[in-house]
């Protein structure tokens, strides 16, 4: 197993859900964010395609401490976490499916 010390690690207690066995797609959303809905569909689809990957959506307004700590400036913001909860990729705005799949490649270690 590789130790990474390049940033914060997130756990189930912080995100309100269990981490995926291999990776987690963590989405910060807000109530009236149109691109968040499309992002939700994309991330859920990708998580369904790759075994051991979870999609977790967080309402940014309900988690302001975490939003500030992670410097989330807009919604949607997507963080790709590895199995240990380390952030390996992040993107603001609506991601393309191909980009999400590519980012998972950096997080998933077989």
C-alpha atoms as a PDB file:
ATOM      1  CA  UNK A   1       0.000   0.000   0.000  1.00  0.00           C
ATOM      2  CA  UNK A   2       1.240   3.469  -0.854  1.00  0.00           C
ATOM      3  CA  UNK A   3       1.213   6.201   1.763  1.00  0.00           C
ATOM      4  CA  UNK A   4       0.192   9.598   0.471  1.00  0.00           C
ATOM      5  CA  UNK A   5       0.812  12.701   2.499  1.00  0.00           C
ATOM      6  CA  UNK A   6      -0.188  15.259  -0.122  1.00  0.00           C
ATOM      7  CA  UNK A   7      -3.378  16.582   1.392  1.00  0.00           C
ATOM      8  CA  UNK A   8      -6.372  15.906   3.576  1.00  0.00           C
ATOM      9  CA  UNK A   9      -7.997  12.515   3.859  1.00  0.00           C
ATOM     10  CA  UNK A  10     -11.736  12.263   4.139  1.00  0.00           C
ATOM     11  CA  UNK A  11     -13.597   9.560   6.003  1.00  0.00           C
ATOM     12  CA  UNK A  12     -17.155   8.346   6.336  1.00  0.00           C
ATOM     13  CA  UNK A  13     -17.775  10.581   9.361  1.00  0.00           C
ATOM     14  CA  UNK A  14     -16.917  13.722   7.379  1.00  0.00           C
ATOM     15  CA  UNK A  15     -18.834  12.920   4.206  1.00  0.00           C
ATOM     16  CA  UNK A  16     -21.793  11.179   5.829  1.00  0.00           C
ATOM     17  CA  UNK A  17     -21.425   7.956   3.841  1.00  0.00           C
ATOM     18  CA  UNK A  18     -19.082   5.012   3.512  1.00  0.00           C
ATOM     19  CA  UNK A  19     -16.130   5.383   1.162  1.00  0.00           C
ATOM     20  CA  UNK A  20     -16.058   3.148  -1.882  1.00  0.00           C
ATOM     21  CA  UNK A  21     -13.928   0.035  -1.564  1.00  0.00           C
ATOM     22  CA  UNK A  22     -11.682   1.217  -4.423  1.00  0.00           C
ATOM     23  CA  UNK A  23     -12.565   4.903  -4.910  1.00  0.00           C
ATOM     24  CA  UNK A  24     -15.204   7.533  -4.157  1.00  0.00           C
ATOM     25  CA  UNK A  25     -16.651  10.219  -6.413  1.00  0.00           C
ATOM     26  CA  UNK A  26     -17.507  13.005  -3.963  1.00  0.00           C
ATOM     27  CA  UNK A  27     -19.832  15.664  -5.395  1.00  0.00           C
ATOM     28  CA  UNK A  28     -20.521  19.025  -3.748  1.00  0.00           C
ATOM     29  CA  UNK A  29     -23.881  20.376  -4.913  1.00  0.00           C
ATOM     30  CA  UNK A  30     -26.354  23.123  -4.083  1.00  0.00           C
ATOM     31  CA  UNK A  31     -30.126  23.243  -4.286  1.00  0.00           C
ATOM     32  CA  UNK A  32     -30.618  25.369  -7.395  1.00  0.00           C
ATOM     33  CA  UNK A  33     -27.584  24.173  -9.372  1.00  0.00           C
ATOM     34  CA  UNK A  34     -28.674  22.870 -12.798  1.00  0.00           C
ATOM     35  CA  UNK A  35     -25.264  21.383 -13.735  1.00  0.00           C
ATOM     36  CA  UNK A  36     -25.330  19.478 -10.417  1.00  0.00           C
ATOM     37  CA  UNK A  37     -28.234  17.334 -11.667  1.00  0.00           C
ATOM     38  CA  UNK A  38     -26.380  16.329 -14.833  1.00  0.00           C
ATOM     39  CA  UNK A  39     -23.227  15.727 -12.794  1.00  0.00           C
ATOM     40  CA  UNK A  40     -25.194  13.485 -10.413  1.00  0.00           C
ATOM     41  CA  UNK A  41     -26.367  11.353 -13.357  1.00  0.00           C
ATOM     42  CA  UNK A  42     -22.871  11.133 -14.864  1.00  0.00           C
ATOM     43  CA  UNK A  43     -21.179  10.184 -11.591  1.00  0.00           C
ATOM     44  CA  UNK A  44     -23.861   7.637 -10.681  1.00  0.00           C
ATOM     45  CA  UNK A  45     -23.499   6.054 -14.114  1.00  0.00           C
ATOM     46  CA  UNK A  46     -19.711   5.823 -13.849  1.00  0.00           C
ATOM     47  CA  UNK A  47     -19.891   4.492 -10.267  1.00  0.00           C
ATOM     48  CA  UNK A  48     -22.292   1.823 -11.519  1.00  0.00           C
ATOM     49  CA  UNK A  49     -19.822   0.797 -14.235  1.00  0.00           C
ATOM     50  CA  UNK A  50     -16.762   0.371 -12.011  1.00  0.00           C
ATOM     51  CA  UNK A  51     -16.900  -2.144  -9.179  1.00  0.00           C
ATOM     52  CA  UNK A  52     -15.967  -0.787  -5.759  1.00  0.00           C
ATOM     53  CA  UNK A  53     -16.581   2.872  -6.672  1.00  0.00           C
ATOM     54  CA  UNK A  54     -19.087   4.905  -4.662  1.00  0.00           C
ATOM     55  CA  UNK A  55     -20.802   8.176  -5.611  1.00  0.00           C
ATOM     56  CA  UNK A  56     -21.525  10.448  -2.652  1.00  0.00           C
ATOM     57  CA  UNK A  57     -23.301  13.781  -3.041  1.00  0.00           C
ATOM     58  CA  UNK A  58     -23.027  16.464  -0.367  1.00  0.00           C
ATOM     59  CA  UNK A  59     -25.123  19.607  -0.065  1.00  0.00           C
ATOM     60  CA  UNK A  60     -22.480  22.339   0.162  1.00  0.00           C
ATOM     61  CA  UNK A  61     -24.716  24.581   2.290  1.00  0.00           C
ATOM     62  CA  UNK A  62     -25.102  21.844   4.910  1.00  0.00           C
ATOM     63  CA  UNK A  63     -21.332  21.238   5.145  1.00  0.00           C
ATOM     64  CA  UNK A  64     -19.824  24.733   5.180  1.00  0.00           C
ATOM     65  CA  UNK A  65     -16.873  23.745   7.399  1.00  0.00           C
ATOM     66  CA  UNK A  66     -15.854  21.035   4.931  1.00  0.00           C
ATOM     67  CA  UNK A  67     -16.455  23.368   1.958  1.00  0.00           C
ATOM     68  CA  UNK A  68     -14.145  25.981   3.501  1.00  0.00           C
ATOM     69  CA  UNK A  69     -11.500  23.461   4.504  1.00  0.00           C
ATOM     70  CA  UNK A  70     -11.397  21.946   1.003  1.00  0.00           C
ATOM     71  CA  UNK A  71     -11.688  25.356  -0.706  1.00  0.00           C
ATOM     72  CA  UNK A  72     -14.779  24.414  -2.706  1.00  0.00           C
ATOM     73  CA  UNK A  73     -15.643  27.638  -4.511  1.00  0.00           C
ATOM     74  CA  UNK A  74     -18.524  26.583  -6.773  1.00  0.00           C
ATOM     75  CA  UNK A  75     -20.972  23.784  -7.427  1.00  0.00           C
ATOM     76  CA  UNK A  76     -20.703  21.246  -8.715  1.00  0.00           C
ATOM     77  CA  UNK A  77     -17.225  20.421  -7.494  1.00  0.00           C
ATOM     78  CA  UNK A  78     -16.146  16.800  -7.782  1.00  0.00           C
ATOM     79  CA  UNK A  79     -13.361  15.238  -5.731  1.00  0.00           C
ATOM     80  CA  UNK A  80     -12.029  11.812  -6.640  1.00  0.00           C
ATOM     81  CA  UNK A  81     -10.880   9.981  -3.516  1.00  0.00           C
ATOM     82  CA  UNK A  82      -8.787   6.842  -3.420  1.00  0.00           C
ATOM     83  CA  UNK A  83      -9.648   3.893  -1.174  1.00  0.00           C
ATOM     84  CA  UNK A  84      -7.972   5.638   1.787  1.00  0.00           C
ATOM     85  CA  UNK A  85      -9.931   8.879   1.326  1.00  0.00           C
ATOM     86  CA  UNK A  86      -7.034  10.881  -0.137  1.00  0.00           C
ATOM     87  CA  UNK A  87      -7.994  13.412  -2.814  1.00  0.00           C
ATOM     88  CA  UNK A  88      -6.335  12.401  -6.078  1.00  0.00           C
ATOM     89  CA  UNK A  89      -8.256  14.654  -8.492  1.00  0.00           C
ATOM     90  CA  UNK A  90     -10.651  17.575  -8.281  1.00  0.00           C
ATOM     91  CA  UNK A  91     -12.701  19.481 -10.820  1.00  0.00           C
ATOM     92  CA  UNK A  92     -15.161  22.366 -10.678  1.00  0.00           C
ATOM     93  CA  UNK A  93     -18.068  22.467 -13.084  1.00  0.00           C
ATOM     94  CA  UNK A  94     -19.896  19.699 -14.898  1.00  0.00           C
ATOM     95  CA  UNK A  95     -17.437  16.926 -15.820  1.00  0.00           C
ATOM     96  CA  UNK A  96     -17.501  14.853 -18.969  1.00  0.00           C
ATOM     97  CA  UNK A  97     -17.988  11.129 -18.482  1.00  0.00           C
ATOM     98  CA  UNK A  98     -14.658  10.352 -20.171  1.00  0.00           C
ATOM     99  CA  UNK A  99     -12.845  12.723 -17.795  1.00  0.00           C
ATOM    100  CA  UNK A 100     -14.435  11.057 -14.759  1.00  0.00           C
ATOM    101  CA  UNK A 101     -13.373   7.627 -15.995  1.00  0.00           C
ATOM    102  CA  UNK A 102      -9.847   8.943 -16.613  1.00  0.00           C
ATOM    103  CA  UNK A 103      -9.669  10.487 -13.137  1.00  0.00           C
ATOM    104  CA  UNK A 104     -10.730   7.191 -11.592  1.00  0.00           C
ATOM    105  CA  UNK A 105      -7.688   5.598 -13.207  1.00  0.00           C
ATOM    106  CA  UNK A 106      -5.519   7.730 -10.925  1.00  0.00           C
ATOM    107  CA  UNK A 107      -7.461   6.685  -7.834  1.00  0.00           C
ATOM    108  CA  UNK A 108      -8.064   2.969  -8.359  1.00  0.00           C
ATOM    109  CA  UNK A 109      -5.175   0.688  -7.533  1.00  0.00           C
ATOM    110  CA  UNK A 110      -5.728  -2.962  -8.366  1.00  0.00           C
END
